[in-house]
Amino acid sequence: TSSGSTNYADSLKGRFTVSRDNAKNTVYLQMNSLKV
């Protein structure tokens, strides 16, 4: 959300991180320990 509250698919918690830059209207998804 615009205030920074996040929600994730349960299966992805701990590996994926969502963030945003409100000034740039940009959202990011950092994906670690990727699986097939």
ModelCIF file with pLDDT and N, C-alpha, C, O atoms, coordinates in Angstrom:
data_MODEL
#
_entry.id   MODEL 
#
_entity.id                         1 
_entity.type                       polymer 
_entity.pdbx_number_of_molecules   1 
#
_entity_poly.entity_id                      1 
_entity_poly.type                           'polypeptide(L)' 
_entity_poly.nstd_linkage                   no 
_entity_poly.nstd_monomer                   no 
_entity_poly.pdbx_seq_one_letter_code       TSSGSTNYADSLKGRFTVSRDNAKNTVYLQMNSLKV 
_entity_poly.pdbx_seq_one_letter_code_can   TSSGSTNYADSLKGRFTVSRDNAKNTVYLQMNSLKV 
_entity_poly.pdbx_strand_id                 A 
#
loop_
_entity_poly_seq.entity_id 
_entity_poly_seq.num 
_entity_poly_seq.mon_id 
_entity_poly_seq.hetero 
1 1  THR n 
1 2  SER n 
1 3  SER n 
1 4  GLY n 
1 5  SER n 
1 6  THR n 
1 7  ASN n 
1 8  TYR n 
1 9  ALA n 
1 10 ASP n 
1 11 SER n 
1 12 LEU n 
1 13 LYS n 
1 14 GLY n 
1 15 ARG n 
1 16 PHE n 
1 17 THR n 
1 18 VAL n 
1 19 SER n 
1 20 ARG n 
1 21 ASP n 
1 22 ASN n 
1 23 ALA n 
1 24 LYS n 
1 25 ASN n 
1 26 THR n 
1 27 VAL n 
1 28 TYR n 
1 29 LEU n 
1 30 GLN n 
1 31 MET n 
1 32 ASN n 
1 33 SER n 
1 34 LEU n 
1 35 LYS n 
1 36 VAL n 
#
_struct_asym.id          A 
_struct_asym.entity_id   1 
#
loop_
_ma_qa_metric.id 
_ma_qa_metric.mode 
_ma_qa_metric.name 
_ma_qa_metric.software_group_id 
_ma_qa_metric.type 
1 global pLDDT . pLDDT 
2 local  pLDDT . pLDDT 
#
_ma_qa_metric_global.metric_id      1 
_ma_qa_metric_global.metric_value   95.89 
_ma_qa_metric_global.model_id       1 
_ma_qa_metric_global.ordinal_id     1 
#
loop_
_ma_qa_metric_local.label_asym_id 
_ma_qa_metric_local.label_comp_id 
_ma_qa_metric_local.label_seq_id 
_ma_qa_metric_local.metric_id 
_ma_qa_metric_local.metric_value 
_ma_qa_metric_local.model_id 
_ma_qa_metric_local.ordinal_id 
A THR 1  2 97.00 1 1  
A SER 2  2 95.00 1 2  
A SER 3  2 95.00 1 3  
A GLY 4  2 95.00 1 4  
A SER 5  2 97.00 1 5  
A THR 6  2 97.00 1 6  
A ASN 7  2 96.00 1 7  
A TYR 8  2 97.00 1 8  
A ALA 9  2 96.00 1 9  
A ASP 10 2 93.00 1 10 
A SER 11 2 90.00 1 11 
A LEU 12 2 92.00 1 12 
A LYS 13 2 86.00 1 13 
A GLY 14 2 90.00 1 14 
A ARG 15 2 97.00 1 15 
A PHE 16 2 98.00 1 16 
A THR 17 2 98.00 1 17 
A VAL 18 2 98.00 1 18 
A SER 19 2 98.00 1 19 
A ARG 20 2 97.00 1 20 
A ASP 21 2 96.00 1 21 
A ASN 22 2 94.00 1 22 
A ALA 23 2 94.00 1 23 
A LYS 24 2 96.00 1 24 
A ASN 25 2 96.00 1 25 
A THR 26 2 97.00 1 26 
A VAL 27 2 98.00 1 27 
A TYR 28 2 98.00 1 28 
A LEU 29 2 98.00 1 29 
A GLN 30 2 98.00 1 30 
A MET 31 2 98.00 1 31 
A ASN 32 2 98.00 1 32 
A SER 33 2 97.00 1 33 
A LEU 34 2 98.00 1 34 
A LYS 35 2 97.00 1 35 
A VAL 36 2 97.00 1 36 
#
loop_
_atom_site.group_PDB 
_atom_site.id 
_atom_site.type_symbol 
_atom_site.label_atom_id 
_atom_site.label_alt_id 
_atom_site.label_comp_id 
_atom_site.label_asym_id 
_atom_site.label_entity_id 
_atom_site.label_seq_id 
_atom_site.pdbx_PDB_ins_code 
_atom_site.Cartn_x 
_atom_site.Cartn_y 
_atom_site.Cartn_z 
_atom_site.occupancy 
_atom_site.B_iso_or_equiv 
_atom_site.pdbx_formal_charge 
_atom_site.auth_seq_id 
_atom_site.auth_comp_id 
_atom_site.auth_asym_id 
_atom_site.auth_atom_id 
_atom_site.pdbx_PDB_model_num 
ATOM 1   N N  . THR A 1 1  ? 0.835  -1.199  0.000   1.00 97.00 ? 1  THR A N  1 
ATOM 2   C CA . THR A 1 1  ? 0.000  0.000   0.000   1.00 97.00 ? 1  THR A CA 1 
ATOM 3   C C  . THR A 1 1  ? 0.875  1.257   0.000   1.00 97.00 ? 1  THR A C  1 
ATOM 4   O O  . THR A 1 1  ? 2.098  1.184   0.121   1.00 97.00 ? 1  THR A O  1 
ATOM 5   N N  . SER A 1 2  ? 0.229  2.385   -0.136  1.00 95.00 ? 2  SER A N  1 
ATOM 6   C CA . SER A 1 2  ? 0.957  3.652   -0.145  1.00 95.00 ? 2  SER A CA 1 
ATOM 7   C C  . SER A 1 2  ? 1.641  3.933   1.191   1.00 95.00 ? 2  SER A C  1 
ATOM 8   O O  . SER A 1 2  ? 2.616  4.683   1.245   1.00 95.00 ? 2  SER A O  1 
ATOM 9   N N  . SER A 1 3  ? 1.135  3.338   2.260   1.00 95.00 ? 3  SER A N  1 
ATOM 10  C CA . SER A 1 3  ? 1.747  3.522   3.582   1.00 95.00 ? 3  SER A CA 1 
ATOM 11  C C  . SER A 1 3  ? 2.801  2.472   3.880   1.00 95.00 ? 3  SER A C  1 
ATOM 12  O O  . SER A 1 3  ? 3.454  2.529   4.922   1.00 95.00 ? 3  SER A O  1 
ATOM 13  N N  . GLY A 1 4  ? 2.975  1.521   2.986   1.00 95.00 ? 4  GLY A N  1 
ATOM 14  C CA . GLY A 1 4  ? 4.025  0.529   3.151   1.00 95.00 ? 4  GLY A CA 1 
ATOM 15  C C  . GLY A 1 4  ? 3.586  -0.818  3.688   1.00 95.00 ? 4  GLY A C  1 
ATOM 16  O O  . GLY A 1 4  ? 4.426  -1.694  3.895   1.00 95.00 ? 4  GLY A O  1 
ATOM 17  N N  . SER A 1 5  ? 2.304  -1.010  3.920   1.00 97.00 ? 5  SER A N  1 
ATOM 18  C CA . SER A 1 5  ? 1.827  -2.316  4.358   1.00 97.00 ? 5  SER A CA 1 
ATOM 19  C C  . SER A 1 5  ? 1.916  -3.304  3.210   1.00 97.00 ? 5  SER A C  1 
ATOM 20  O O  . SER A 1 5  ? 1.590  -2.988  2.066   1.00 97.00 ? 5  SER A O  1 
ATOM 21  N N  . THR A 1 6  ? 2.363  -4.506  3.539   1.00 97.00 ? 6  THR A N  1 
ATOM 22  C CA . THR A 1 6  ? 2.586  -5.507  2.492   1.00 97.00 ? 6  THR A CA 1 
ATOM 23  C C  . THR A 1 6  ? 1.780  -6.772  2.754   1.00 97.00 ? 6  THR A C  1 
ATOM 24  O O  . THR A 1 6  ? 1.415  -7.073  3.891   1.00 97.00 ? 6  THR A O  1 
ATOM 25  N N  . ASN A 1 7  ? 1.515  -7.497  1.688   1.00 96.00 ? 7  ASN A N  1 
ATOM 26  C CA . ASN A 1 7  ? 0.983  -8.843  1.799   1.00 96.00 ? 7  ASN A CA 1 
ATOM 27  C C  . ASN A 1 7  ? 1.633  -9.710  0.745   1.00 96.00 ? 7  ASN A C  1 
ATOM 28  O O  . ASN A 1 7  ? 1.979  -9.245  -0.341  1.00 96.00 ? 7  ASN A O  1 
ATOM 29  N N  . TYR A 1 8  ? 1.792  -10.954 1.074   1.00 97.00 ? 8  TYR A N  1 
ATOM 30  C CA . TYR A 1 8  ? 2.479  -11.896 0.213   1.00 97.00 ? 8  TYR A CA 1 
ATOM 31  C C  . TYR A 1 8  ? 1.690  -13.203 0.100   1.00 97.00 ? 8  TYR A C  1 
ATOM 32  O O  . TYR A 1 8  ? 0.913  -13.563 0.984   1.00 97.00 ? 8  TYR A O  1 
ATOM 33  N N  . ALA A 1 9  ? 1.913  -13.886 -0.999  1.00 96.00 ? 9  ALA A N  1 
ATOM 34  C CA . ALA A 1 9  ? 1.468  -15.269 -1.077  1.00 96.00 ? 9  ALA A CA 1 
ATOM 35  C C  . ALA A 1 9  ? 2.238  -16.041 -0.014  1.00 96.00 ? 9  ALA A C  1 
ATOM 36  O O  . ALA A 1 9  ? 3.449  -15.874 0.126   1.00 96.00 ? 9  ALA A O  1 
ATOM 37  N N  . ASP A 1 10 ? 1.542  -16.877 0.727   1.00 93.00 ? 10 ASP A N  1 
ATOM 38  C CA . ASP A 1 10 ? 2.177  -17.591 1.843   1.00 93.00 ? 10 ASP A CA 1 
ATOM 39  C C  . ASP A 1 10 ? 3.417  -18.364 1.394   1.00 93.00 ? 10 ASP A C  1 
ATOM 40  O O  . ASP A 1 10 ? 4.414  -18.427 2.114   1.00 93.00 ? 10 ASP A O  1 
ATOM 41  N N  . SER A 1 11 ? 3.347  -18.942 0.216   1.00 90.00 ? 11 SER A N  1 
ATOM 42  C CA . SER A 1 11 ? 4.442  -19.799 -0.251  1.00 90.00 ? 11 SER A CA 1 
ATOM 43  C C  . SER A 1 11 ? 5.696  -19.011 -0.606  1.00 90.00 ? 11 SER A C  1 
ATOM 44  O O  . SER A 1 11 ? 6.767  -19.593 -0.779  1.00 90.00 ? 11 SER A O  1 
ATOM 45  N N  . LEU A 1 12 ? 5.569  -17.680 -0.716  1.00 92.00 ? 12 LEU A N  1 
ATOM 46  C CA . LEU A 1 12 ? 6.696  -16.868 -1.153  1.00 92.00 ? 12 LEU A CA 1 
ATOM 47  C C  . LEU A 1 12 ? 7.315  -16.038 -0.030  1.00 92.00 ? 12 LEU A C  1 
ATOM 48  O O  . LEU A 1 12 ? 8.362  -15.417 -0.210  1.00 92.00 ? 12 LEU A O  1 
ATOM 49  N N  . LYS A 1 13 ? 6.668  -16.035 1.111   1.00 86.00 ? 13 LYS A N  1 
ATOM 50  C CA . LYS A 1 13 ? 7.200  -15.257 2.233   1.00 86.00 ? 13 LYS A CA 1 
ATOM 51  C C  . LYS A 1 13 ? 8.618  -15.711 2.575   1.00 86.00 ? 13 LYS A C  1 
ATOM 52  O O  . LYS A 1 13 ? 8.909  -16.904 2.655   1.00 86.00 ? 13 LYS A O  1 
ATOM 53  N N  . GLY A 1 14 ? 9.487  -14.727 2.775   1.00 90.00 ? 14 GLY A N  1 
ATOM 54  C CA . GLY A 1 14 ? 10.865 -15.042 3.127   1.00 90.00 ? 14 GLY A CA 1 
ATOM 55  C C  . GLY A 1 14 ? 11.803 -15.073 1.944   1.00 90.00 ? 14 GLY A C  1 
ATOM 56  O O  . GLY A 1 14 ? 13.014 -14.924 2.111   1.00 90.00 ? 14 GLY A O  1 
ATOM 57  N N  . ARG A 1 15 ? 11.263 -15.266 0.737   1.00 97.00 ? 15 ARG A N  1 
ATOM 58  C CA . ARG A 1 15 ? 12.115 -15.290 -0.446  1.00 97.00 ? 15 ARG A CA 1 
ATOM 59  C C  . ARG A 1 15 ? 11.917 -14.037 -1.315  1.00 97.00 ? 15 ARG A C  1 
ATOM 60  O O  . ARG A 1 15 ? 12.859 -13.543 -1.933  1.00 97.00 ? 15 ARG A O  1 
ATOM 61  N N  . PHE A 1 16 ? 10.695 -13.543 -1.348  1.00 98.00 ? 16 PHE A N  1 
ATOM 62  C CA . PHE A 1 16 ? 10.369 -12.385 -2.177  1.00 98.00 ? 16 PHE A CA 1 
ATOM 63  C C  . PHE A 1 16 ? 10.102 -11.178 -1.286  1.00 98.00 ? 16 PHE A C  1 
ATOM 64  O O  . PHE A 1 16 ? 9.535  -11.301 -0.201  1.00 98.00 ? 16 PHE A O  1 
ATOM 65  N N  . THR A 1 17 ? 10.520 -10.017 -1.765  1.00 98.00 ? 17 THR A N  1 
ATOM 66  C CA . THR A 1 17 ? 10.274 -8.775  -1.044  1.00 98.00 ? 17 THR A CA 1 
ATOM 67  C C  . THR A 1 17 ? 9.757  -7.711  -2.006  1.00 98.00 ? 17 THR A C  1 
ATOM 68  O O  . THR A 1 17 ? 10.383 -7.412  -3.023  1.00 98.00 ? 17 THR A O  1 
ATOM 69  N N  . VAL A 1 18 ? 8.610  -7.152  -1.663  1.00 98.00 ? 18 VAL A N  1 
ATOM 70  C CA . VAL A 1 18 ? 8.030  -6.076  -2.472  1.00 98.00 ? 18 VAL A CA 1 
ATOM 71  C C  . VAL A 1 18 ? 8.326  -4.747  -1.804  1.00 98.00 ? 18 VAL A C  1 
ATOM 72  O O  . VAL A 1 18 ? 8.282  -4.637  -0.578  1.00 98.00 ? 18 VAL A O  1 
ATOM 73  N N  . SER A 1 19 ? 8.627  -3.740  -2.605  1.00 98.00 ? 19 SER A N  1 
ATOM 74  C CA . SER A 1 19 ? 8.873  -2.399  -2.091  1.00 98.00 ? 19 SER A CA 1 
ATOM 75  C C  . SER A 1 19 ? 8.415  -1.390  -3.145  1.00 98.00 ? 19 SER A C  1 
ATOM 76  O O  . SER A 1 19 ? 8.136  -1.755  -4.287  1.00 98.00 ? 19 SER A O  1 
ATOM 77  N N  . ARG A 1 20 ? 8.343  -0.137  -2.753  1.00 97.00 ? 20 ARG A N  1 
ATOM 78  C CA . ARG A 1 20 ? 7.913  0.878   -3.703  1.00 97.00 ? 20 ARG A CA 1 
ATOM 79  C C  . ARG A 1 20 ? 8.589  2.205   -3.408  1.00 97.00 ? 20 ARG A C  1 
ATOM 80  O O  . ARG A 1 20 ? 9.003  2.487   -2.284  1.00 97.00 ? 20 ARG A O  1 
ATOM 81  N N  . ASP A 1 21 ? 8.682  2.997   -4.445  1.00 96.00 ? 21 ASP A N  1 
ATOM 82  C CA . ASP A 1 21 ? 9.188  4.361   -4.322  1.00 96.00 ? 21 ASP A CA 1 
ATOM 83  C C  . ASP A 1 21 ? 8.050  5.273   -4.759  1.00 96.00 ? 21 ASP A C  1 
ATOM 84  O O  . ASP A 1 21 ? 7.786  5.416   -5.953  1.00 96.00 ? 21 ASP A O  1 
ATOM 85  N N  . ASN A 1 22 ? 7.382  5.886   -3.800  1.00 94.00 ? 22 ASN A N  1 
ATOM 86  C CA . ASN A 1 22 ? 6.219  6.699   -4.121  1.00 94.00 ? 22 ASN A CA 1 
ATOM 87  C C  . ASN A 1 22 ? 6.572  7.909   -4.976  1.00 94.00 ? 22 ASN A C  1 
ATOM 88  O O  . ASN A 1 22 ? 5.770  8.341   -5.805  1.00 94.00 ? 22 ASN A O  1 
ATOM 89  N N  . ALA A 1 23 ? 7.755  8.451   -4.781  1.00 94.00 ? 23 ALA A N  1 
ATOM 90  C CA . ALA A 1 23 ? 8.167  9.621   -5.559  1.00 94.00 ? 23 ALA A CA 1 
ATOM 91  C C  . ALA A 1 23 ? 8.344  9.275   -7.039  1.00 94.00 ? 23 ALA A C  1 
ATOM 92  O O  . ALA A 1 23 ? 8.163  10.122  -7.914  1.00 94.00 ? 23 ALA A O  1 
ATOM 93  N N  . LYS A 1 24 ? 8.699  8.028   -7.297  1.00 96.00 ? 24 LYS A N  1 
ATOM 94  C CA . LYS A 1 24 ? 8.921  7.573   -8.677  1.00 96.00 ? 24 LYS A CA 1 
ATOM 95  C C  . LYS A 1 24 ? 7.759  6.750   -9.215  1.00 96.00 ? 24 LYS A C  1 
ATOM 96  O O  . LYS A 1 24 ? 7.790  6.307   -10.363 1.00 96.00 ? 24 LYS A O  1 
ATOM 97  N N  . ASN A 1 25 ? 6.735  6.542   -8.392  1.00 96.00 ? 25 ASN A N  1 
ATOM 98  C CA . ASN A 1 25 ? 5.600  5.685   -8.793  1.00 96.00 ? 25 ASN A CA 1 
ATOM 99  C C  . ASN A 1 25 ? 6.089  4.347   -9.329  1.00 96.00 ? 25 ASN A C  1 
ATOM 100 O O  . ASN A 1 25 ? 5.635  3.867   -10.367 1.00 96.00 ? 25 ASN A O  1 
ATOM 101 N N  . THR A 1 26 ? 7.010  3.770   -8.606  1.00 97.00 ? 26 THR A N  1 
ATOM 102 C CA . THR A 1 26 ? 7.645  2.532   -9.034  1.00 97.00 ? 26 THR A CA 1 
ATOM 103 C C  . THR A 1 26 ? 7.535  1.480   -7.938  1.00 97.00 ? 26 THR A C  1 
ATOM 104 O O  . THR A 1 26 ? 7.708  1.769   -6.754  1.00 97.00 ? 26 THR A O  1 
ATOM 105 N N  . VAL A 1 27 ? 7.249  0.269   -8.355  1.00 98.00 ? 27 VAL A N  1 
ATOM 106 C CA . VAL A 1 27 ? 7.200  -0.859  -7.434  1.00 98.00 ? 27 VAL A CA 1 
ATOM 107 C C  . VAL A 1 27 ? 8.275  -1.856  -7.853  1.00 98.00 ? 27 VAL A C  1 
ATOM 108 O O  . VAL A 1 27 ? 8.570  -2.024  -9.036  1.00 98.00 ? 27 VAL A O  1 
ATOM 109 N N  . TYR A 1 28 ? 8.848  -2.507  -6.853  1.00 98.00 ? 28 TYR A N  1 
ATOM 110 C CA . TYR A 1 28 ? 9.936  -3.455  -7.082  1.00 98.00 ? 28 TYR A CA 1 
ATOM 111 C C  . TYR A 1 28 ? 9.564  -4.812  -6.499  1.00 98.00 ? 28 TYR A C  1 
ATOM 112 O O  . TYR A 1 28 ? 8.748  -4.912  -5.583  1.00 98.00 ? 28 TYR A O  1 
ATOM 113 N N  . LEU A 1 29 ? 10.174 -5.840  -7.045  1.00 98.00 ? 29 LEU A N  1 
ATOM 114 C CA . LEU A 1 29 ? 10.039 -7.175  -6.482  1.00 98.00 ? 29 LEU A CA 1 
ATOM 115 C C  . LEU A 1 29 ? 11.421 -7.808  -6.471  1.00 98.00 ? 29 LEU A C  1 
ATOM 116 O O  . LEU A 1 29 ? 11.977 -8.143  -7.517  1.00 98.00 ? 29 LEU A O  1 
ATOM 117 N N  . GLN A 1 30 ? 11.961 -7.963  -5.278  1.00 98.00 ? 30 GLN A N  1 
ATOM 118 C CA . GLN A 1 30 ? 13.239 -8.643  -5.122  1.00 98.00 ? 30 GLN A CA 1 
ATOM 119 C C  . GLN A 1 30 ? 12.955 -10.116 -4.898  1.00 98.00 ? 30 GLN A C  1 
ATOM 120 O O  . GLN A 1 30 ? 12.257 -10.492 -3.956  1.00 98.00 ? 30 GLN A O  1 
ATOM 121 N N  . MET A 1 31 ? 13.501 -10.939 -5.770  1.00 98.00 ? 31 MET A N  1 
ATOM 122 C CA . MET A 1 31 ? 13.254 -12.381 -5.705  1.00 98.00 ? 31 MET A CA 1 
ATOM 123 C C  . MET A 1 31 ? 14.577 -13.088 -5.443  1.00 98.00 ? 31 MET A C  1 
ATOM 124 O O  . MET A 1 31 ? 15.507 -13.016 -6.247  1.00 98.00 ? 31 MET A O  1 
ATOM 125 N N  . ASN A 1 32 ? 14.644 -13.766 -4.318  1.00 98.00 ? 32 ASN A N  1 
ATOM 126 C CA . ASN A 1 32 ? 15.859 -14.492 -3.930  1.00 98.00 ? 32 ASN A CA 1 
ATOM 127 C C  . ASN A 1 32 ? 15.588 -15.986 -3.862  1.00 98.00 ? 32 ASN A C  1 
ATOM 128 O O  . ASN A 1 32 ? 14.439 -16.424 -3.809  1.00 98.00 ? 32 ASN A O  1 
ATOM 129 N N  . SER A 1 33 ? 16.658 -16.755 -3.864  1.00 97.00 ? 33 SER A N  1 
ATOM 130 C CA . SER A 1 33 ? 16.558 -18.219 -3.765  1.00 97.00 ? 33 SER A CA 1 
ATOM 131 C C  . SER A 1 33 ? 15.530 -18.751 -4.745  1.00 97.00 ? 33 SER A C  1 
ATOM 132 O O  . SER A 1 33 ? 14.661 -19.545 -4.383  1.00 97.00 ? 33 SER A O  1 
ATOM 133 N N  . LEU A 1 34 ? 15.634 -18.315 -5.967  1.00 98.00 ? 34 LEU A N  1 
ATOM 134 C CA . LEU A 1 34 ? 14.637 -18.677 -6.967  1.00 98.00 ? 34 LEU A CA 1 
ATOM 135 C C  . LEU A 1 34 ? 14.620 -20.174 -7.228  1.00 98.00 ? 34 LEU A C  1 
ATOM 136 O O  . LEU A 1 34 ? 15.652 -20.845 -7.205  1.00 98.00 ? 34 LEU A O  1 
ATOM 137 N N  . LYS A 1 35 ? 13.416 -20.674 -7.478  1.00 97.00 ? 35 LYS A N  1 
ATOM 138 C CA . LYS A 1 35 ? 13.199 -22.084 -7.752  1.00 97.00 ? 35 LYS A CA 1 
ATOM 139 C C  . LYS A 1 35 ? 12.649 -22.243 -9.170  1.00 97.00 ? 35 LYS A C  1 
ATOM 140 O O  . LYS A 1 35 ? 12.104 -21.304 -9.749  1.00 97.00 ? 35 LYS A O  1 
ATOM 141 N N  . VAL A 1 36 ? 12.802 -23.433 -9.706  1.00 97.00 ? 36 VAL A N  1 
ATOM 142 C CA . VAL A 1 36 ? 12.283 -23.691 -11.047 1.00 97.00 ? 36 VAL A CA 1 
ATOM 143 C C  . VAL A 1 36 ? 10.798 -23.369 -11.122 1.00 97.00 ? 36 VAL A C  1 
ATOM 144 O O  . VAL A 1 36 ? 10.185 -23.526 -12.178 1.00 97.00 ? 36 VAL A O  1 
#
